[in-house]
Amino acid sequence: MRNALRQLRYLSVAAQVGSFRRAAEMCDVDQSSVSRALKQLEDDLGVSLFERARSGVRLTPAGRHFLADVSPVIEQLESARRSARTTRAAESGLLRIGILTSLAGGFLRELVQSYAERHPCVIIDVRDGGRLEHLAAVRTGRLDAAIVTGSGAIPGCETRELWRERVHVALPESHPLAEKHKLDWPDLKEEHFLVSRGEPGPEVHHYIVRRSADYSNYPYIEEKAALQDTLMNLVSLGQGITLVSAAWAAVKVPGLVLRPLTARADIVPFSAVWLYENDNPAFHKFLQTGEQLASSTARRREHT
């Protein structure tokens, strides 16, 4: 079987370039290997496939007829070979993803977990950071993709919305609003918001200002030089409140409760962003896994 595949490949290449020597160079083998393989094929068929001359080779009428018959087979074999190589590359390698939200729970955790189970040999490099930082890294090839909020077009990039999460208010459990099962922005008009100075603080700050303006309210927002985990603990200690995505419900912080915002405008889309020319098979398998998970999640919602 292997010899037959090799013979057909040599036949196709030699017919295209008109030379056994050049065919050997293109196939990265010795010229004698090409000559022997094609002579063996001719002996097996009982016909001459090539007219040989010092200037090169060309197909005989029988050779042209035979090549026409086997060309579809050769094309299918080449396609299968490329597919096998792509699959092998996707089963190993490196996937670099930038995220803004927590991996503790929700869709993103399920996506990374599902992908890791399907492709255990791929190294998954997940990096925290901000939207602008991640988009710059995508554009310069330092990240395969970024998971960001929003679903609009991003110049120079491809985008695909994968899921949506409701925004939640993080409160100390002693806060009067913690007694409510759900909240709306008028409930928050007198509140003291905390945001981190670093990411995702600026994006949260912008969101609070924008949504408060919808209710003609200008909020009091205090920036803290703290990471998100520390910020959540400050909230639990009664220093203020903050906003988080639903994924944070999986993070257990003593003295902290989350309450959903009920407005339709407080459901935030999350999208994958990548470069069109990114040919990393590991990334494309990741995107495929995300799309499949998004479809199955949508079907589950329809039946609940």
C-alpha atoms as a PDB file:
ATOM      1  CA  MET A   1       0.000   0.000   0.000  1.00  0.00           C
ATOM      2  CA  ARG A   2       2.736   2.446   0.986  1.00  0.00           C
ATOM      3  CA  ASN A   3       4.685   1.720  -2.222  1.00  0.00           C
ATOM      4  CA  ALA A   4       1.573   2.266  -4.333  1.00  0.00           C
ATOM      5  CA  LEU A   5       0.933   5.655  -2.724  1.00  0.00           C
ATOM      6  CA  ARG A   6       4.551   6.653  -3.247  1.00  0.00           C
ATOM      7  CA  GLN A   7       4.439   5.553  -6.894  1.00  0.00           C
ATOM      8  CA  LEU A   8       1.322   7.612  -7.588  1.00  0.00           C
ATOM      9  CA  ARG A   9       2.851  10.685  -5.980  1.00  0.00           C
ATOM     10  CA  TYR A  10       6.068  10.334  -7.999  1.00  0.00           C
ATOM     11  CA  LEU A  11       3.999   9.819 -11.152  1.00  0.00           C
ATOM     12  CA  SER A  12       1.995  13.006 -10.602  1.00  0.00           C
ATOM     13  CA  VAL A  13       5.014  15.173  -9.753  1.00  0.00           C
ATOM     14  CA  ALA A  14       7.208  13.837 -12.572  1.00  0.00           C
ATOM     15  CA  ALA A  15       4.412  14.428 -15.080  1.00  0.00           C
ATOM     16  CA  GLN A  16       4.072  18.032 -13.877  1.00  0.00           C
ATOM     17  CA  VAL A  17       7.773  18.954 -13.924  1.00  0.00           C
ATOM     18  CA  GLY A  18       8.900  16.730 -16.846  1.00  0.00           C
ATOM     19  CA  SER A  19      11.962  15.443 -15.007  1.00  0.00           C
ATOM     20  CA  PHE A  20      12.736  12.567 -12.634  1.00  0.00           C
ATOM     21  CA  ARG A  21      15.545  14.644 -11.111  1.00  0.00           C
ATOM     22  CA  ARG A  22      13.310  17.607 -10.322  1.00  0.00           C
ATOM     23  CA  ALA A  23      10.555  15.295  -9.105  1.00  0.00           C
ATOM     24  CA  ALA A  24      13.051  13.717  -6.704  1.00  0.00           C
ATOM     25  CA  GLU A  25      14.054  17.156  -5.397  1.00  0.00           C
ATOM     26  CA  MET A  26      10.438  18.126  -4.830  1.00  0.00           C
ATOM     27  CA  CYS A  27       9.709  14.850  -3.043  1.00  0.00           C
ATOM     28  CA  ASP A  28      12.974  15.089  -1.064  1.00  0.00           C
ATOM     29  CA  VAL A  29      14.291  11.687  -2.202  1.00  0.00           C
ATOM     30  CA  ASP A  30      17.076  10.395  -4.445  1.00  0.00           C
ATOM     31  CA  GLN A  31      16.494  10.392  -8.194  1.00  0.00           C
ATOM     32  CA  SER A  32      17.144   6.660  -8.238  1.00  0.00           C
ATOM     33  CA  SER A  33      14.211   6.144  -5.846  1.00  0.00           C
ATOM     34  CA  VAL A  34      11.857   7.911  -8.249  1.00  0.00           C
ATOM     35  CA  SER A  35      13.205   6.033 -11.268  1.00  0.00           C
ATOM     36  CA  ARG A  36      12.939   2.628  -9.563  1.00  0.00           C
ATOM     37  CA  ALA A  37       9.431   3.281  -8.231  1.00  0.00           C
ATOM     38  CA  LEU A  38       8.079   4.379 -11.602  1.00  0.00           C
ATOM     39  CA  LYS A  39       9.816   1.525 -13.446  1.00  0.00           C
ATOM     40  CA  GLN A  40       8.201  -0.898 -10.985  1.00  0.00           C
ATOM     41  CA  LEU A  41       4.809   0.720 -11.626  1.00  0.00           C
ATOM     42  CA  GLU A  42       5.282   0.341 -15.381  1.00  0.00           C
ATOM     43  CA  ASP A  43       6.255  -3.312 -14.951  1.00  0.00           C
ATOM     44  CA  ASP A  44       3.179  -3.952 -12.797  1.00  0.00           C
ATOM     45  CA  LEU A  45       0.890  -2.301 -15.359  1.00  0.00           C
ATOM     46  CA  GLY A  46       2.648  -3.792 -18.368  1.00  0.00           C
ATOM     47  CA  VAL A  47       2.845  -0.445 -20.190  1.00  0.00           C
ATOM     48  CA  SER A  48       5.298   2.417 -20.544  1.00  0.00           C
ATOM     49  CA  LEU A  49       4.062   5.517 -18.749  1.00  0.00           C
ATOM     50  CA  PHE A  50       6.923   7.849 -19.715  1.00  0.00           C
ATOM     51  CA  GLU A  51       8.968   8.598 -22.791  1.00  0.00           C
ATOM     52  CA  ARG A  52      12.515   9.100 -21.508  1.00  0.00           C
ATOM     53  CA  ALA A  53      15.033  11.432 -23.184  1.00  0.00           C
ATOM     54  CA  ARG A  54      18.114  13.412 -22.156  1.00  0.00           C
ATOM     55  CA  SER A  55      16.006  16.551 -22.038  1.00  0.00           C
ATOM     56  CA  GLY A  56      13.582  14.989 -19.568  1.00  0.00           C
ATOM     57  CA  VAL A  57      10.478  12.826 -19.528  1.00  0.00           C
ATOM     58  CA  ARG A  58       6.931  13.130 -20.781  1.00  0.00           C
ATOM     59  CA  LEU A  59       3.880  10.933 -20.484  1.00  0.00           C
ATOM     60  CA  THR A  60       3.037   8.408 -23.165  1.00  0.00           C
ATOM     61  CA  PRO A  61      -0.593   8.208 -24.356  1.00  0.00           C
ATOM     62  CA  ALA A  62      -1.049   5.290 -21.947  1.00  0.00           C
ATOM     63  CA  GLY A  63       0.569   7.358 -19.200  1.00  0.00           C
ATOM     64  CA  ARG A  64      -1.760  10.301 -19.805  1.00  0.00           C
ATOM     65  CA  HIS A  65      -4.782   8.020 -19.720  1.00  0.00           C
ATOM     66  CA  PHE A  66      -3.609   6.307 -16.526  1.00  0.00           C
ATOM     67  CA  LEU A  67      -2.834   9.610 -14.781  1.00  0.00           C
ATOM     68  CA  ALA A  68      -6.273  10.972 -15.698  1.00  0.00           C
ATOM     69  CA  ASP A  69      -7.857   7.904 -14.106  1.00  0.00           C
ATOM     70  CA  VAL A  70      -5.837   8.080 -10.884  1.00  0.00           C
ATOM     71  CA  SER A  71      -5.754  11.885 -10.455  1.00  0.00           C
ATOM     72  CA  PRO A  72      -8.914  11.942  -8.283  1.00  0.00           C
ATOM     73  CA  VAL A  73      -7.340   9.262  -6.088  1.00  0.00           C
ATOM     74  CA  ILE A  74      -4.108  11.278  -5.802  1.00  0.00           C
ATOM     75  CA  GLU A  75      -6.044  14.427  -4.856  1.00  0.00           C
ATOM     76  CA  GLN A  76      -7.998  12.535  -2.198  1.00  0.00           C
ATOM     77  CA  LEU A  77      -4.798  11.060  -0.790  1.00  0.00           C
ATOM     78  CA  GLU A  78      -3.127  14.479  -0.624  1.00  0.00           C
ATOM     79  CA  SER A  79      -6.188  15.940   1.074  1.00  0.00           C
ATOM     80  CA  ALA A  80      -6.237  13.080   3.583  1.00  0.00           C
ATOM     81  CA  ARG A  81      -2.525  13.553   4.246  1.00  0.00           C
ATOM     82  CA  ARG A  82      -2.975  17.288   4.913  1.00  0.00           C
ATOM     83  CA  SER A  83      -5.953  16.590   7.147  1.00  0.00           C
ATOM     84  CA  ALA A  84      -3.992  14.012   9.135  1.00  0.00           C
ATOM     85  CA  ARG A  85      -1.112  16.458   9.633  1.00  0.00           C
ATOM     86  CA  THR A  86      -3.490  19.213  10.743  1.00  0.00           C
ATOM     87  CA  THR A  87      -5.202  16.862  13.178  1.00  0.00           C
ATOM     88  CA  ARG A  88      -1.864  15.762  14.588  1.00  0.00           C
ATOM     89  CA  ALA A  89      -0.792  19.390  15.036  1.00  0.00           C
ATOM     90  CA  ALA A  90      -4.068  20.195  16.805  1.00  0.00           C
ATOM     91  CA  GLU A  91      -3.538  17.324  19.229  1.00  0.00           C
ATOM     92  CA  SER A  92      -0.309  18.873  20.492  1.00  0.00           C
ATOM     93  CA  GLY A  93       1.266  22.301  20.530  1.00  0.00           C
ATOM     94  CA  LEU A  94       0.496  25.517  22.390  1.00  0.00           C
ATOM     95  CA  LEU A  95      -2.704  27.522  22.842  1.00  0.00           C
ATOM     96  CA  ARG A  96      -2.369  31.085  24.231  1.00  0.00           C
ATOM     97  CA  ILE A  97      -5.588  32.679  25.486  1.00  0.00           C
ATOM     98  CA  GLY A  98      -6.077  36.042  27.204  1.00  0.00           C
ATOM     99  CA  ILE A  99      -9.034  36.357  29.595  1.00  0.00           C
ATOM    100  CA  LEU A 100     -10.798  39.086  31.583  1.00  0.00           C
ATOM    101  CA  THR A 101     -13.216  37.009  33.645  1.00  0.00           C
ATOM    102  CA  SER A 102     -12.840  34.358  36.328  1.00  0.00           C
ATOM    103  CA  LEU A 103     -12.015  30.752  35.497  1.00  0.00           C
ATOM    104  CA  ALA A 104     -13.629  29.613  38.738  1.00  0.00           C
ATOM    105  CA  GLY A 105     -16.945  28.765  37.098  1.00  0.00           C
ATOM    106  CA  GLY A 106     -19.329  29.447  34.246  1.00  0.00           C
ATOM    107  CA  PHE A 107     -18.978  28.998  30.505  1.00  0.00           C
ATOM    108  CA  LEU A 108     -15.277  29.820  30.270  1.00  0.00           C
ATOM    109  CA  ARG A 109     -14.291  27.220  32.841  1.00  0.00           C
ATOM    110  CA  GLU A 110     -16.455  24.621  31.100  1.00  0.00           C
ATOM    111  CA  LEU A 111     -14.879  25.548  27.748  1.00  0.00           C
ATOM    112  CA  VAL A 112     -11.272  25.280  28.958  1.00  0.00           C
ATOM    113  CA  GLN A 113     -12.035  22.053  30.821  1.00  0.00           C
ATOM    114  CA  SER A 114     -13.756  20.476  27.806  1.00  0.00           C
ATOM    115  CA  TYR A 115     -10.925  21.491  25.478  1.00  0.00           C
ATOM    116  CA  ALA A 116      -8.262  20.180  27.859  1.00  0.00           C
ATOM    117  CA  GLU A 117     -10.037  16.825  28.112  1.00  0.00           C
ATOM    118  CA  ARG A 118     -10.285  16.508  24.319  1.00  0.00           C
ATOM    119  CA  HIS A 119      -6.705  17.662  23.677  1.00  0.00           C
ATOM    120  CA  PRO A 120      -4.621  16.614  26.684  1.00  0.00           C
ATOM    121  CA  CYS A 121      -1.304  17.119  24.862  1.00  0.00           C
ATOM    122  CA  VAL A 122      -1.934  20.798  24.095  1.00  0.00           C
ATOM    123  CA  ILE A 123      -0.296  23.237  26.511  1.00  0.00           C
ATOM    124  CA  ILE A 124      -2.933  25.827  27.478  1.00  0.00           C
ATOM    125  CA  ASP A 125      -1.385  29.174  28.410  1.00  0.00           C
ATOM    126  CA  VAL A 126      -4.122  31.318  30.006  1.00  0.00           C
ATOM    127  CA  ARG A 127      -3.164  34.925  30.728  1.00  0.00           C
ATOM    128  CA  ASP A 128      -5.040  37.491  32.824  1.00  0.00           C
ATOM    129  CA  GLY A 129      -5.060  41.070  31.622  1.00  0.00           C
ATOM    130  CA  GLY A 130      -7.069  43.948  30.255  1.00  0.00           C
ATOM    131  CA  ARG A 131      -8.975  44.346  27.021  1.00  0.00           C
ATOM    132  CA  LEU A 132      -6.510  46.710  25.315  1.00  0.00           C
ATOM    133  CA  GLU A 133      -3.515  44.670  26.470  1.00  0.00           C
ATOM    134  CA  HIS A 134      -5.032  41.450  25.143  1.00  0.00           C
ATOM    135  CA  LEU A 135      -6.083  42.948  21.807  1.00  0.00           C
ATOM    136  CA  ALA A 136      -2.566  44.302  21.283  1.00  0.00           C
ATOM    137  CA  ALA A 137      -1.163  40.842  22.031  1.00  0.00           C
ATOM    138  CA  VAL A 138      -3.568  39.246  19.531  1.00  0.00           C
ATOM    139  CA  ARG A 139      -2.585  41.720  16.804  1.00  0.00           C
ATOM    140  CA  THR A 140       1.135  41.086  17.343  1.00  0.00           C
ATOM    141  CA  GLY A 141       0.766  37.303  17.499  1.00  0.00           C
ATOM    142  CA  ARG A 142       1.607  36.979  21.209  1.00  0.00           C
ATOM    143  CA  LEU A 143      -1.860  35.556  21.876  1.00  0.00           C
ATOM    144  CA  ASP A 144      -3.888  33.205  19.707  1.00  0.00           C
ATOM    145  CA  ALA A 145      -7.110  34.756  20.979  1.00  0.00           C
ATOM    146  CA  ALA A 146      -8.586  36.980  23.651  1.00  0.00           C
ATOM    147  CA  ILE A 147     -11.902  36.513  25.416  1.00  0.00           C
ATOM    148  CA  VAL A 148     -13.387  39.989  25.848  1.00  0.00           C
ATOM    149  CA  THR A 149     -16.737  41.551  26.690  1.00  0.00           C
ATOM    150  CA  GLY A 150     -18.911  42.814  23.867  1.00  0.00           C
ATOM    151  CA  SER A 151     -19.818  41.406  20.477  1.00  0.00           C
ATOM    152  CA  GLY A 152     -19.138  44.245  18.045  1.00  0.00           C
ATOM    153  CA  ALA A 153     -16.573  44.374  15.252  1.00  0.00           C
ATOM    154  CA  ILE A 154     -12.944  44.982  16.227  1.00  0.00           C
ATOM    155  CA  PRO A 155     -10.703  46.527  13.525  1.00  0.00           C
ATOM    156  CA  GLY A 156      -8.228  44.066  12.044  1.00  0.00           C
ATOM    157  CA  CYS A 157      -9.628  41.089  13.944  1.00  0.00           C
ATOM    158  CA  GLU A 158     -12.188  38.320  13.665  1.00  0.00           C
ATOM    159  CA  THR A 159     -14.772  38.036  16.455  1.00  0.00           C
ATOM    160  CA  ARG A 160     -17.247  35.375  17.533  1.00  0.00           C
ATOM    161  CA  GLU A 161     -19.724  35.749  20.394  1.00  0.00           C
ATOM    162  CA  LEU A 162     -19.655  32.579  22.483  1.00  0.00           C
ATOM    163  CA  TRP A 163     -21.801  33.236  25.546  1.00  0.00           C
ATOM    164  CA  ARG A 164     -23.521  35.820  27.743  1.00  0.00           C
ATOM    165  CA  GLU A 165     -23.486  36.408  31.493  1.00  0.00           C
ATOM    166  CA  ARG A 166     -25.656  38.516  33.761  1.00  0.00           C
ATOM    167  CA  VAL A 167     -23.863  41.200  35.762  1.00  0.00           C
ATOM    168  CA  HIS A 168     -24.012  40.675  39.532  1.00  0.00           C
ATOM    169  CA  VAL A 169     -23.545  43.037  42.464  1.00  0.00           C
ATOM    170  CA  ALA A 170     -21.026  41.810  45.045  1.00  0.00           C
ATOM    171  CA  LEU A 171     -22.071  42.855  48.552  1.00  0.00           C
ATOM    172  CA  PRO A 172     -21.062  42.168  52.143  1.00  0.00           C
ATOM    173  CA  GLU A 173     -23.620  39.759  53.594  1.00  0.00           C
ATOM    174  CA  SER A 174     -24.418  42.331  56.295  1.00  0.00           C
ATOM    175  CA  HIS A 175     -25.520  44.906  53.698  1.00  0.00           C
ATOM    176  CA  PRO A 176     -29.279  45.720  53.701  1.00  0.00           C
ATOM    177  CA  LEU A 177     -29.460  44.992  49.949  1.00  0.00           C
ATOM    178  CA  ALA A 178     -28.212  41.450  50.599  1.00  0.00           C
ATOM    179  CA  GLU A 179     -31.718  40.639  51.831  1.00  0.00           C
ATOM    180  CA  LYS A 180     -33.046  41.125  48.288  1.00  0.00           C
ATOM    181  CA  HIS A 181     -32.875  38.276  45.773  1.00  0.00           C
ATOM    182  CA  LYS A 182     -32.281  40.634  42.831  1.00  0.00           C
ATOM    183  CA  LEU A 183     -31.380  44.278  42.322  1.00  0.00           C
ATOM    184  CA  ASP A 184     -31.791  47.140  39.874  1.00  0.00           C
ATOM    185  CA  TRP A 185     -29.788  50.321  39.381  1.00  0.00           C
ATOM    186  CA  PRO A 186     -32.097  52.584  41.437  1.00  0.00           C
ATOM    187  CA  ASP A 187     -31.234  50.344  44.409  1.00  0.00           C
ATOM    188  CA  LEU A 188     -27.569  51.317  44.001  1.00  0.00           C
ATOM    189  CA  LYS A 189     -27.825  55.103  43.676  1.00  0.00           C
ATOM    190  CA  GLU A 190     -26.380  55.812  47.147  1.00  0.00           C
ATOM    191  CA  GLU A 191     -23.760  53.072  47.100  1.00  0.00           C
ATOM    192  CA  HIS A 192     -19.985  53.279  47.374  1.00  0.00           C
ATOM    193  CA  PHE A 193     -18.422  51.285  44.525  1.00  0.00           C
ATOM    194  CA  LEU A 194     -14.955  49.759  44.631  1.00  0.00           C
ATOM    195  CA  VAL A 195     -12.957  48.973  41.484  1.00  0.00           C
ATOM    196  CA  SER A 196      -9.393  47.835  41.017  1.00  0.00           C
ATOM    197  CA  ARG A 197      -6.899  50.306  39.582  1.00  0.00           C
ATOM    198  CA  GLY A 198      -5.616  47.595  37.287  1.00  0.00           C
ATOM    199  CA  GLU A 199      -7.681  45.342  35.041  1.00  0.00           C
ATOM    200  CA  PRO A 200     -10.575  44.739  34.960  1.00  0.00           C
ATOM    201  CA  GLY A 201     -11.137  47.886  37.053  1.00  0.00           C
ATOM    202  CA  PRO A 202     -11.211  50.487  34.229  1.00  0.00           C
ATOM    203  CA  GLU A 203     -13.778  48.465  32.278  1.00  0.00           C
ATOM    204  CA  VAL A 204     -15.934  47.987  35.398  1.00  0.00           C
ATOM    205  CA  HIS A 205     -15.604  51.718  36.180  1.00  0.00           C
ATOM    206  CA  HIS A 206     -16.812  52.629  32.688  1.00  0.00           C
ATOM    207  CA  TYR A 207     -19.721  50.197  32.972  1.00  0.00           C
ATOM    208  CA  ILE A 208     -20.862  51.628  36.338  1.00  0.00           C
ATOM    209  CA  VAL A 209     -20.752  55.204  35.011  1.00  0.00           C
ATOM    210  CA  ARG A 210     -22.602  54.297  31.807  1.00  0.00           C
ATOM    211  CA  ARG A 211     -25.386  52.329  33.481  1.00  0.00           C
ATOM    212  CA  SER A 212     -25.787  54.868  36.313  1.00  0.00           C
ATOM    213  CA  ALA A 213     -26.182  57.633  33.719  1.00  0.00           C
ATOM    214  CA  ASP A 214     -29.196  55.761  32.334  1.00  0.00           C
ATOM    215  CA  TYR A 215     -30.867  56.593  35.662  1.00  0.00           C
ATOM    216  CA  SER A 216     -29.495  60.171  35.899  1.00  0.00           C
ATOM    217  CA  ASN A 217     -27.197  59.195  38.708  1.00  0.00           C
ATOM    218  CA  TYR A 218     -23.488  59.890  39.132  1.00  0.00           C
ATOM    219  CA  PRO A 219     -21.981  57.154  41.291  1.00  0.00           C
ATOM    220  CA  TYR A 220     -19.262  57.345  43.919  1.00  0.00           C
ATOM    221  CA  ILE A 221     -16.440  55.084  42.715  1.00  0.00           C
ATOM    222  CA  GLU A 222     -13.221  54.465  44.617  1.00  0.00           C
ATOM    223  CA  GLU A 223     -10.184  52.908  42.932  1.00  0.00           C
ATOM    224  CA  LYS A 224      -8.116  50.431  44.900  1.00  0.00           C
ATOM    225  CA  ALA A 225      -4.565  49.297  44.131  1.00  0.00           C
ATOM    226  CA  ALA A 226      -5.708  45.706  44.559  1.00  0.00           C
ATOM    227  CA  LEU A 227      -6.146  42.580  42.486  1.00  0.00           C
ATOM    228  CA  GLN A 228      -9.671  41.325  41.941  1.00  0.00           C
ATOM    229  CA  ASP A 229      -9.447  38.661  44.669  1.00  0.00           C
ATOM    230  CA  THR A 230      -8.341  41.272  47.213  1.00  0.00           C
ATOM    231  CA  LEU A 231     -11.063  43.642  46.044  1.00  0.00           C
ATOM    232  CA  MET A 232     -13.703  40.978  46.667  1.00  0.00           C
ATOM    233  CA  ASN A 233     -12.384  40.490  50.186  1.00  0.00           C
ATOM    234  CA  LEU A 234     -12.525  44.250  50.797  1.00  0.00           C
ATOM    235  CA  VAL A 235     -16.173  44.135  49.749  1.00  0.00           C
ATOM    236  CA  SER A 236     -16.830  41.250  52.134  1.00  0.00           C
ATOM    237  CA  LEU A 237     -15.305  43.371  54.926  1.00  0.00           C
ATOM    238  CA  GLY A 238     -17.836  46.141  54.304  1.00  0.00           C
ATOM    239  CA  GLN A 239     -15.590  48.614  52.455  1.00  0.00           C
ATOM    240  CA  GLY A 240     -18.021  49.014  49.544  1.00  0.00           C
ATOM    241  CA  ILE A 241     -19.668  47.068  46.722  1.00  0.00           C
ATOM    242  CA  THR A 242     -18.565  46.127  43.206  1.00  0.00           C
ATOM    243  CA  LEU A 243     -19.792  44.495  40.007  1.00  0.00           C
ATOM    244  CA  VAL A 244     -18.733  41.089  38.699  1.00  0.00           C
ATOM    245  CA  SER A 245     -19.803  38.589  36.064  1.00  0.00           C
ATOM    246  CA  ALA A 246     -21.892  35.548  36.953  1.00  0.00           C
ATOM    247  CA  ALA A 247     -18.780  33.354  36.836  1.00  0.00           C
ATOM    248  CA  TRP A 248     -17.753  34.796  40.202  1.00  0.00           C
ATOM    249  CA  ALA A 249     -20.648  32.940  41.833  1.00  0.00           C
ATOM    250  CA  ALA A 250     -18.330  29.922  41.934  1.00  0.00           C
ATOM    251  CA  VAL A 251     -15.790  31.837  44.062  1.00  0.00           C
ATOM    252  CA  LYS A 252     -16.496  31.419  47.762  1.00  0.00           C
ATOM    253  CA  VAL A 253     -15.412  34.446  49.810  1.00  0.00           C
ATOM    254  CA  PRO A 254     -16.447  34.492  53.485  1.00  0.00           C
ATOM    255  CA  GLY A 255     -18.979  37.229  54.164  1.00  0.00           C
ATOM    256  CA  LEU A 256     -19.641  37.944  50.465  1.00  0.00           C
ATOM    257  CA  VAL A 257     -22.906  37.548  48.551  1.00  0.00           C
ATOM    258  CA  LEU A 258     -23.812  38.141  44.902  1.00  0.00           C
ATOM    259  CA  ARG A 259     -27.136  39.492  43.685  1.00  0.00           C
ATOM    260  CA  PRO A 260     -28.097  39.689  39.985  1.00  0.00           C
ATOM    261  CA  LEU A 261     -29.045  42.912  38.240  1.00  0.00           C
ATOM    262  CA  THR A 262     -32.396  42.329  36.568  1.00  0.00           C
ATOM    263  CA  ALA A 263     -32.273  44.701  33.577  1.00  0.00           C
ATOM    264  CA  ARG A 264     -31.892  43.195  30.117  1.00  0.00           C
ATOM    265  CA  ALA A 265     -29.064  45.685  29.513  1.00  0.00           C
ATOM    266  CA  ASP A 266     -27.096  43.994  32.294  1.00  0.00           C
ATOM    267  CA  ILE A 267     -26.581  40.802  30.313  1.00  0.00           C
ATOM    268  CA  VAL A 268     -23.063  41.062  28.888  1.00  0.00           C
ATOM    269  CA  PRO A 269     -21.820  39.141  25.816  1.00  0.00           C
ATOM    270  CA  PHE A 270     -18.374  37.527  25.781  1.00  0.00           C
ATOM    271  CA  SER A 271     -16.560  37.016  22.478  1.00  0.00           C
ATOM    272  CA  ALA A 272     -13.425  35.373  21.162  1.00  0.00           C
ATOM    273  CA  VAL A 273     -11.145  37.718  19.182  1.00  0.00           C
ATOM    274  CA  TRP A 274      -8.376  36.496  16.882  1.00  0.00           C
ATOM    275  CA  LEU A 275      -6.478  37.308  13.696  1.00  0.00           C
ATOM    276  CA  TYR A 276      -7.885  35.971  10.431  1.00  0.00           C
ATOM    277  CA  GLU A 277      -4.451  34.684   9.422  1.00  0.00           C
ATOM    278  CA  ASN A 278      -3.974  32.667  12.628  1.00  0.00           C
ATOM    279  CA  ASP A 279      -3.354  29.135  11.352  1.00  0.00           C
ATOM    280  CA  ASN A 280      -2.657  27.482  14.722  1.00  0.00           C
ATOM    281  CA  PRO A 281      -4.653  24.201  14.569  1.00  0.00           C
ATOM    282  CA  ALA A 282      -4.816  24.094  18.376  1.00  0.00           C
ATOM    283  CA  PHE A 283      -6.627  27.454  18.398  1.00  0.00           C
ATOM    284  CA  HIS A 284      -9.105  26.473  15.686  1.00  0.00           C
ATOM    285  CA  LYS A 285      -9.985  23.341  17.677  1.00  0.00           C
ATOM    286  CA  PHE A 286     -10.508  25.595  20.714  1.00  0.00           C
ATOM    287  CA  LEU A 287     -12.853  27.855  18.736  1.00  0.00           C
ATOM    288  CA  GLN A 288     -14.700  24.808  17.429  1.00  0.00           C
ATOM    289  CA  THR A 289     -15.096  23.511  20.987  1.00  0.00           C
ATOM    290  CA  GLY A 290     -16.435  26.916  22.055  1.00  0.00           C
ATOM    291  CA  GLU A 291     -18.994  26.986  19.247  1.00  0.00           C
ATOM    292  CA  GLN A 292     -20.157  23.455  20.077  1.00  0.00           C
ATOM    293  CA  LEU A 293     -20.477  24.326  23.762  1.00  0.00           C
ATOM    294  CA  ALA A 294     -22.383  27.514  22.906  1.00  0.00           C
ATOM    295  CA  SER A 295     -24.842  25.504  20.797  1.00  0.00           C
ATOM    296  CA  SER A 296     -25.379  22.888  23.491  1.00  0.00           C
ATOM    297  CA  THR A 297     -25.824  25.615  26.132  1.00  0.00           C
ATOM    298  CA  ALA A 298     -28.459  27.321  23.973  1.00  0.00           C
ATOM    299  CA  ARG A 299     -30.309  24.013  23.533  1.00  0.00           C
ATOM    300  CA  ARG A 300     -30.278  23.422  27.297  1.00  0.00           C
ATOM    301  CA  ARG A 301     -31.799  26.871  27.862  1.00  0.00           C
ATOM    302  CA  GLU A 302     -34.579  26.128  25.374  1.00  0.00           C
ATOM    303  CA  HIS A 303     -35.593  23.063  27.379  1.00  0.00           C
ATOM    304  CA  THR A 304     -35.558  24.768  30.791  1.00  0.00           C
END
